[in-house]
Amino acid sequence: MLHSLIINNLRNIHALQCEFHPKLTIFHGANGSGKSSILEAIHLLALGRSFRARHNKHMVQYQQPELSVSGKLLDVSRLTHTVGMIRSLDNKNTVHFDGDPVQNSSLLAQNLPLQMLEPQSFELLSGSPDARRQYIDWGVFHVEHDFYAVWRKVQRIIKQRNALLKKACRYADLAIWDKELAAQGEVLHQMRDAYVSRLVPVLNQMLQTMAPEFAHALHLKYSRGWSQQLSLREALEKHFPHDSITGYTHIGPQRATMQVLHDGQPAYQVLSKGQQKCVVCALRLGQSIIFDQEKPDTPCLFLIDDLSAELDSQNQQRFATILLELKNQVFATCINPSHLQAFTQQQPDHKMFHVEHGIIHESTTVLA
């Protein structure tokens, strides 16, 4: 659980400090007030990156050399941990957990599991295959202890293979790498396939709640990244001529993805925008349920940026009921507190903050 947060020099927030509710914390205020920047700070702590910008210069406050974010965590034993990061304009970034340097983001993800709904996340159905692969991998990461090690090996081998493809004249030059890639890639696929198989019945249940009028026509299809008729080793050898021309590995677990189909057609081509948003919410809820089953003592941080602009009141009620019944710690933004009435009714005990010009004040719920 994220207990508290300190932000310095992030966008229009010069200095901010607040303690959170263990279940539901809401930030309300006008557009541009700094609400989303608070969610961005939490996202930085949990994943080591922003959901709004790729470069530090777009996050560091004007005329400041760096930004800093730090948080206090409570683990399942109620022990306190600290996590902090500094991002500078000269790209000297540092991350510490309990005072020790952090070398990769997996440690952050393990201690601050995070899911998010914001306007761009509703492109999960229609966006790039990468987003859907990342969706699957988030779930596998929190279910399979060995996933991250296998995933890193696959990434390293593919990088080496691509380098060799630029100068290899015959397949034998890559055979030793492909043997290892095939072994690790098959393991990675099996982990993903097992997770999707576990997700499907849970997702069907969530779809019946979030989209009962068309849930019966929806189907989740997982694609492993190479032909179903070939082993990965066979597929890599078959595609070598094409790969050697382009200097790039075109098939393999790095190409895995999924599709949500409606009567056999991509759902985003058939469903309305509102219906697509309901499906995405069901996808996130399905993952939350499996996470809850795997780690019943660990709350998942769930960031929600301006949900009222994405879902109507009825679907908000459906979503809030399931989300808050799980062990999620929810952080949500809105312009007016009445926009999240479904959440405050479901969770009367909560915290609410008014944000204005990067300054935060605790407030009480006032429904319009």
Protein backbone atom coordinates (compact mmCIF):
# COMPACT_ATOMS: atom_id res chain seq x y z
CA MET A 1 0.00 0.00 0.00
CA LEU A 2 1.20 3.49 -0.83
CA HIS A 3 0.93 5.44 2.44
CA SER A 4 2.23 8.87 1.42
CA LEU A 5 3.87 10.84 -1.36
CA ILE A 6 6.23 13.82 -1.69
CA ILE A 7 6.59 15.62 -5.04
CA ASN A 8 9.01 18.40 -5.94
CA ASN A 9 9.24 20.29 -9.24
CA LEU A 10 7.02 18.01 -11.31
CA ARG A 11 5.24 20.11 -13.95
CA ASN A 12 3.23 22.79 -12.09
CA ILE A 13 3.76 21.15 -8.69
CA HIS A 14 6.57 22.92 -6.86
CA ALA A 15 6.22 21.10 -3.53
CA LEU A 16 3.45 18.72 -2.49
CA GLN A 17 3.06 16.24 0.33
CA CYS A 18 0.03 14.11 1.21
CA GLU A 19 -1.07 10.92 2.92
CA PHE A 20 -3.48 8.58 1.16
CA HIS A 21 -6.49 6.56 2.15
CA PRO A 22 -5.81 2.80 2.11
CA LYS A 23 -8.76 2.24 -0.21
CA LEU A 24 -9.89 5.34 -2.14
CA THR A 25 -8.28 8.74 -2.67
CA ILE A 26 -9.85 11.30 -5.03
CA PHE A 27 -8.26 14.45 -6.48
CA HIS A 28 -10.60 17.04 -7.94
CA GLY A 29 -10.00 20.40 -9.58
CA ALA A 30 -10.07 22.28 -12.85
CA ASN A 31 -8.23 21.15 -15.95
CA GLY A 32 -4.53 21.93 -15.64
CA SER A 33 -4.64 22.13 -11.86
CA GLY A 34 -2.14 19.30 -11.32
CA LYS A 35 -4.44 16.34 -10.64
CA SER A 36 -2.99 14.14 -13.36
CA SER A 37 0.53 15.10 -12.31
CA ILE A 38 -0.08 13.43 -8.94
CA LEU A 39 -1.05 10.23 -10.73
CA GLU A 40 2.00 10.67 -12.93
CA ALA A 41 4.21 10.82 -9.82
CA ILE A 42 2.73 7.55 -8.53
CA HIS A 43 3.23 6.00 -11.97
CA LEU A 44 6.90 7.08 -11.92
CA LEU A 45 7.42 5.41 -8.55
CA ALA A 46 5.70 2.19 -9.56
CA LEU A 47 7.05 1.69 -13.08
CA GLY A 48 10.02 4.04 -13.38
CA ARG A 49 8.40 5.90 -16.26
CA SER A 50 5.64 8.39 -16.98
CA PHE A 51 2.40 7.68 -18.82
CA ARG A 52 2.40 11.23 -20.19
CA ALA A 53 5.93 11.96 -21.40
CA ARG A 54 9.06 10.17 -22.56
CA HIS A 55 11.62 12.89 -21.80
CA ASN A 56 12.52 14.54 -18.52
CA LYS A 57 12.40 18.01 -20.04
CA HIS A 58 8.64 17.63 -20.43
CA MET A 59 8.18 16.78 -16.74
CA VAL A 60 10.70 18.93 -14.84
CA GLN A 61 9.20 22.23 -13.70
CA TYR A 62 10.25 25.31 -15.68
CA GLN A 63 13.59 26.79 -14.59
CA GLN A 64 14.30 23.85 -12.26
CA PRO A 65 17.21 21.42 -12.81
CA GLU A 66 15.42 18.27 -11.67
CA LEU A 67 12.28 16.74 -10.21
CA SER A 68 11.99 14.33 -7.31
CA VAL A 69 9.29 11.95 -6.14
CA SER A 70 9.37 9.82 -3.02
CA GLY A 71 6.86 7.60 -1.32
CA LYS A 72 6.35 5.58 1.84
CA LEU A 73 5.02 2.04 1.44
CA LEU A 74 3.49 -0.41 3.89
CA ASP A 75 4.03 -4.08 3.01
CA VAL A 76 1.90 -7.09 3.95
CA SER A 77 3.61 -7.22 7.38
CA ARG A 78 2.90 -3.49 7.91
CA LEU A 79 6.63 -2.78 7.64
CA THR A 80 7.59 0.59 6.17
CA HIS A 81 9.63 0.97 3.00
CA THR A 82 10.72 4.05 1.09
CA VAL A 83 11.09 4.52 -2.63
CA GLY A 84 12.37 7.64 -4.33
CA MET A 85 13.59 8.91 -7.66
CA ILE A 86 15.26 11.96 -9.14
CA ARG A 87 15.02 12.89 -12.83
CA SER A 88 17.18 15.70 -14.11
CA LEU A 89 17.31 17.76 -17.26
CA ASP A 90 20.71 16.27 -18.05
CA ASN A 91 19.14 12.77 -17.91
CA LYS A 92 20.97 11.66 -14.77
CA ASN A 93 18.19 9.58 -13.29
CA THR A 94 18.45 7.77 -9.96
CA VAL A 95 16.04 5.43 -8.17
CA HIS A 96 16.39 4.12 -4.61
CA PHE A 97 14.44 1.57 -2.61
CA ASP A 98 15.07 1.60 1.13
CA GLY A 99 18.19 3.63 0.41
CA ASP A 100 19.69 1.16 -2.07
CA PRO A 101 20.07 1.94 -5.79
CA VAL A 102 17.54 0.22 -8.06
CA GLN A 103 19.01 -1.25 -11.25
CA ASN A 104 15.81 -2.30 -13.01
CA SER A 105 12.13 -1.51 -12.72
CA SER A 106 11.04 -5.05 -11.79
CA LEU A 107 11.73 -4.33 -8.11
CA LEU A 108 9.43 -1.31 -8.29
CA ALA A 109 6.71 -3.29 -10.07
CA GLN A 110 6.86 -6.06 -7.47
CA ASN A 111 6.46 -3.65 -4.57
CA LEU A 112 4.04 -1.24 -6.24
CA PRO A 113 1.88 -3.29 -8.63
CA LEU A 114 -0.06 -0.78 -10.70
CA GLN A 115 -2.86 -0.66 -13.25
CA MET A 116 -4.22 2.42 -14.94
CA LEU A 117 -7.20 3.77 -16.83
CA GLU A 118 -6.70 7.05 -18.63
CA PRO A 119 -7.95 8.34 -21.99
CA GLN A 120 -5.21 6.67 -24.04
CA SER A 121 -5.51 3.34 -22.24
CA PHE A 122 -8.91 2.90 -23.88
CA GLU A 123 -6.98 2.32 -27.12
CA LEU A 124 -6.01 -1.11 -25.80
CA LEU A 125 -8.33 -2.65 -28.38
CA SER A 126 -7.37 -0.53 -31.37
CA GLY A 127 -3.79 0.52 -30.61
CA SER A 128 -0.53 -1.24 -31.41
CA PRO A 129 -0.03 -4.97 -30.70
CA ASP A 130 2.68 -3.90 -28.22
CA ALA A 131 0.04 -2.54 -25.83
CA ARG A 132 -1.87 -5.81 -25.82
CA ARG A 133 1.31 -7.84 -25.33
CA GLN A 134 2.22 -5.60 -22.39
CA TYR A 135 -1.26 -6.21 -20.99
CA ILE A 136 -0.65 -9.97 -20.99
CA ASP A 137 2.88 -9.60 -19.63
CA TRP A 138 1.70 -7.49 -16.69
CA GLY A 139 -0.50 -10.36 -15.60
CA VAL A 140 2.13 -13.06 -16.16
CA PHE A 141 4.74 -11.03 -14.27
CA HIS A 142 2.59 -11.09 -11.14
CA VAL A 143 1.67 -14.78 -11.48
CA GLU A 144 4.88 -16.50 -12.67
CA HIS A 145 7.93 -16.00 -10.47
CA ASP A 146 10.38 -16.79 -13.30
CA PHE A 147 8.69 -14.68 -15.97
CA TYR A 148 10.90 -11.61 -15.78
CA ALA A 149 14.15 -13.61 -15.97
CA VAL A 150 12.91 -15.52 -19.02
CA TRP A 151 11.59 -12.34 -20.65
CA ARG A 152 14.95 -10.60 -20.21
CA LYS A 153 16.82 -13.57 -21.72
CA VAL A 154 14.54 -13.48 -24.75
CA GLN A 155 15.09 -9.74 -25.22
CA ARG A 156 18.86 -10.16 -24.94
CA ILE A 157 19.00 -13.04 -27.43
CA ILE A 158 16.84 -11.22 -29.98
CA LYS A 159 19.09 -8.18 -29.71
CA GLN A 160 22.14 -10.39 -30.39
CA ARG A 161 20.35 -12.15 -33.23
CA ASN A 162 19.41 -8.88 -34.91
CA ALA A 163 23.03 -7.73 -34.73
CA LEU A 164 24.19 -10.99 -36.35
CA LEU A 165 21.52 -10.82 -39.04
CA LYS A 166 23.15 -7.70 -40.45
CA LYS A 167 26.27 -9.68 -41.34
CA ALA A 168 25.29 -13.37 -41.37
CA CYS A 169 25.63 -15.09 -44.75
CA ARG A 170 24.17 -18.47 -43.81
CA TYR A 171 21.76 -19.81 -41.24
CA ALA A 172 24.49 -21.79 -39.47
CA ASP A 173 25.87 -18.46 -38.22
CA LEU A 174 22.72 -18.02 -36.11
CA ALA A 175 21.98 -21.62 -35.18
CA ILE A 176 23.43 -21.48 -31.67
CA TRP A 177 21.45 -18.34 -30.85
CA ASP A 178 18.25 -19.74 -32.32
CA LYS A 179 18.55 -22.89 -30.22
CA GLU A 180 18.56 -20.80 -27.04
CA LEU A 181 15.92 -18.38 -28.36
CA ALA A 182 13.65 -21.31 -29.22
CA ALA A 183 14.04 -22.84 -25.76
CA GLN A 184 13.41 -19.62 -23.85
CA GLY A 185 10.75 -18.41 -26.29
CA GLU A 186 8.72 -21.58 -25.90
CA VAL A 187 8.83 -21.21 -22.11
CA LEU A 188 7.70 -17.58 -22.40
CA HIS A 189 4.83 -18.60 -24.67
CA GLN A 190 3.71 -21.34 -22.28
CA MET A 191 3.57 -18.83 -19.41
CA ARG A 192 1.53 -16.39 -21.49
CA ASP A 193 -0.77 -19.09 -22.81
CA ALA A 194 -1.47 -20.43 -19.30
CA TYR A 195 -2.27 -16.93 -18.06
CA VAL A 196 -4.64 -16.19 -20.94
CA SER A 197 -6.39 -19.53 -20.35
CA ARG A 198 -6.90 -18.52 -16.73
CA LEU A 199 -8.01 -15.01 -17.73
CA VAL A 200 -10.69 -16.03 -20.24
CA PRO A 201 -13.38 -17.32 -17.82
CA VAL A 202 -12.77 -14.39 -15.47
CA LEU A 203 -13.00 -11.96 -18.37
CA ASN A 204 -16.22 -13.55 -19.57
CA GLN A 205 -17.69 -12.98 -16.12
CA MET A 206 -16.60 -9.33 -16.15
CA LEU A 207 -18.00 -8.82 -19.64
CA GLN A 208 -21.36 -10.12 -18.49
CA THR A 209 -21.33 -7.35 -15.88
CA MET A 210 -19.84 -4.49 -17.89
CA ALA A 211 -21.31 -5.30 -21.31
CA PRO A 212 -24.17 -7.79 -20.89
CA GLU A 213 -25.91 -6.77 -24.12
CA PHE A 214 -23.06 -7.98 -26.37
CA ALA A 215 -20.78 -10.05 -24.12
CA HIS A 216 -21.94 -13.32 -25.69
CA ALA A 217 -20.39 -12.31 -29.03
CA LEU A 218 -16.94 -11.41 -27.64
CA HIS A 219 -13.93 -13.72 -27.78
CA LEU A 220 -10.31 -13.31 -26.67
CA LYS A 221 -7.73 -14.65 -29.14
CA TYR A 222 -4.07 -15.02 -28.14
CA SER A 223 -1.39 -15.22 -30.84
CA ARG A 224 2.03 -16.51 -29.80
CA GLY A 225 4.04 -14.72 -32.51
CA TRP A 226 4.81 -17.54 -34.94
CA SER A 227 2.98 -20.25 -36.92
CA GLN A 228 0.92 -22.77 -34.98
CA GLN A 229 2.16 -25.47 -37.38
CA LEU A 230 5.86 -24.94 -36.59
CA SER A 231 8.08 -25.04 -33.54
CA LEU A 232 9.84 -21.76 -32.83
CA ARG A 233 13.15 -23.27 -33.95
CA GLU A 234 11.61 -24.35 -37.27
CA ALA A 235 9.93 -20.98 -37.76
CA LEU A 236 13.16 -19.06 -37.13
CA GLU A 237 15.02 -21.15 -39.71
CA LYS A 238 12.22 -20.82 -42.27
CA HIS A 239 12.17 -17.01 -41.91
CA PHE A 240 15.96 -16.60 -42.02
CA PRO A 241 16.11 -15.47 -45.68
CA HIS A 242 13.63 -12.66 -45.03
CA ASP A 243 15.20 -11.74 -41.69
CA SER A 244 18.68 -11.59 -43.19
CA ILE A 245 17.52 -9.11 -45.83
CA THR A 246 15.93 -6.74 -43.32
CA GLY A 247 18.36 -7.36 -40.44
CA TYR A 248 15.44 -7.89 -38.09
CA THR A 249 13.74 -10.87 -36.42
CA HIS A 250 10.15 -10.83 -37.64
CA ILE A 251 8.70 -13.79 -35.74
CA GLY A 252 8.96 -15.01 -32.18
CA PRO A 253 7.58 -14.30 -28.70
CA GLN A 254 8.40 -10.60 -29.10
CA ARG A 255 5.56 -10.53 -31.66
CA ALA A 256 2.96 -12.16 -29.41
CA THR A 257 -0.30 -10.30 -28.95
CA MET A 258 -4.01 -10.77 -28.43
CA GLN A 259 -7.23 -9.59 -30.01
CA VAL A 260 -10.71 -9.10 -28.66
CA LEU A 261 -13.08 -10.29 -31.40
CA HIS A 262 -16.80 -9.65 -31.84
CA ASP A 263 -18.35 -12.43 -33.93
CA GLY A 264 -14.93 -13.02 -35.46
CA GLN A 265 -14.20 -9.37 -36.26
CA PRO A 266 -11.88 -7.05 -34.30
CA ALA A 267 -14.08 -5.53 -31.61
CA TYR A 268 -12.87 -1.98 -32.23
CA GLN A 269 -14.20 -2.19 -35.80
CA VAL A 270 -17.68 -3.23 -34.68
CA LEU A 271 -18.34 -1.70 -31.26
CA SER A 272 -19.04 1.94 -30.45
CA LYS A 273 -16.49 3.94 -28.48
CA GLY A 274 -18.59 3.62 -25.35
CA GLN A 275 -18.86 -0.14 -25.77
CA GLN A 276 -15.12 -0.42 -26.33
CA LYS A 277 -14.49 1.43 -23.07
CA CYS A 278 -16.68 -1.07 -21.23
CA VAL A 279 -14.65 -3.92 -22.69
CA VAL A 280 -11.36 -2.30 -21.64
CA CYS A 281 -12.70 -1.85 -18.11
CA ALA A 282 -13.64 -5.54 -18.10
CA LEU A 283 -10.11 -6.43 -19.21
CA ARG A 284 -8.61 -4.45 -16.33
CA LEU A 285 -11.06 -5.88 -13.81
CA GLY A 286 -10.27 -9.40 -14.98
CA GLN A 287 -6.60 -8.84 -14.29
CA SER A 288 -7.41 -7.32 -10.90
CA ILE A 289 -9.37 -10.41 -9.89
CA ILE A 290 -6.52 -12.77 -10.80
CA PHE A 291 -4.03 -10.53 -9.01
CA ASP A 292 -6.29 -10.56 -5.97
CA GLN A 293 -6.35 -14.36 -6.05
CA GLU A 294 -2.57 -14.60 -6.36
CA LYS A 295 -1.65 -11.95 -3.80
CA PRO A 296 -4.59 -11.52 -1.42
CA ASP A 297 -2.51 -9.50 1.06
CA THR A 298 -1.09 -7.05 -1.50
CA PRO A 299 -3.25 -4.20 -2.83
CA CYS A 300 -2.80 -3.21 -6.45
CA LEU A 301 -2.55 0.53 -7.06
CA PHE A 302 -5.26 1.50 -9.54
CA LEU A 303 -4.91 4.93 -11.14
CA ILE A 304 -8.00 6.39 -12.83
CA ASP A 305 -7.68 9.67 -14.70
CA ASP A 306 -10.98 11.43 -15.47
CA LEU A 307 -13.18 8.33 -15.72
CA SER A 308 -16.35 10.42 -15.98
CA ALA A 309 -15.25 11.49 -19.45
CA GLU A 310 -14.99 7.84 -20.49
CA LEU A 311 -17.93 6.00 -18.89
CA ASP A 312 -21.57 6.91 -18.30
CA SER A 313 -22.99 6.77 -14.78
CA GLN A 314 -24.48 3.28 -15.09
CA ASN A 315 -21.24 1.71 -16.25
CA GLN A 316 -19.29 3.69 -13.68
CA GLN A 317 -21.48 2.12 -11.01
CA ARG A 318 -20.81 -1.36 -12.36
CA PHE A 319 -17.09 -0.70 -12.57
CA ALA A 320 -16.76 0.93 -9.14
CA THR A 321 -18.67 -1.85 -7.38
CA ILE A 322 -16.32 -4.59 -8.59
CA LEU A 323 -13.14 -2.52 -8.36
CA LEU A 324 -13.66 -1.48 -4.76
CA GLU A 325 -14.75 -4.95 -3.64
CA LEU A 326 -11.24 -6.12 -4.54
CA LYS A 327 -8.13 -5.20 -2.57
CA ASN A 328 -7.19 -2.35 -4.88
CA GLN A 329 -5.95 1.00 -3.58
CA VAL A 330 -7.68 3.42 -5.92
CA PHE A 331 -6.48 6.91 -6.89
CA ALA A 332 -8.91 8.81 -9.11
CA THR A 333 -9.18 12.31 -10.59
CA CYS A 334 -12.20 14.34 -11.62
CA ILE A 335 -13.20 17.94 -12.22
CA ASN A 336 -16.18 17.81 -9.83
CA PRO A 337 -16.59 15.31 -6.95
CA SER A 338 -20.09 14.51 -8.18
CA HIS A 339 -18.50 12.91 -11.26
CA LEU A 340 -17.26 10.05 -9.07
CA GLN A 341 -20.37 9.63 -6.99
CA ALA A 342 -20.45 5.93 -7.86
CA PHE A 343 -17.10 5.52 -6.11
CA THR A 344 -17.87 7.58 -3.01
CA GLN A 345 -21.19 5.82 -2.52
CA GLN A 346 -19.47 2.45 -2.78
CA GLN A 347 -16.68 3.61 -0.44
CA PRO A 348 -18.06 6.25 1.98
CA ASP A 349 -14.83 6.16 3.98
CA HIS A 350 -12.26 7.79 1.68
CA LYS A 351 -10.02 10.81 1.27
CA MET A 352 -10.62 13.70 -1.09
CA PHE A 353 -8.26 16.50 -2.07
CA HIS A 354 -8.87 19.69 -4.01
CA VAL A 355 -5.99 20.57 -6.34
CA GLU A 356 -5.45 24.11 -7.63
CA HIS A 357 -2.33 25.50 -9.34
CA GLY A 358 -0.30 22.53 -8.11
CA ILE A 359 -1.36 23.05 -4.48
CA ILE A 360 -3.39 20.44 -2.61
CA HIS A 361 -5.96 20.80 0.18
CA GLU A 362 -7.95 18.04 1.82
CA SER A 363 -11.68 18.53 1.29
CA THR A 364 -14.99 16.84 2.02
CA THR A 365 -17.33 15.26 -0.47
CA VAL A 366 -19.83 17.74 -1.84
CA LEU A 367 -22.24 16.30 -4.37
CA ALA A 368 -23.80 18.59 -6.92
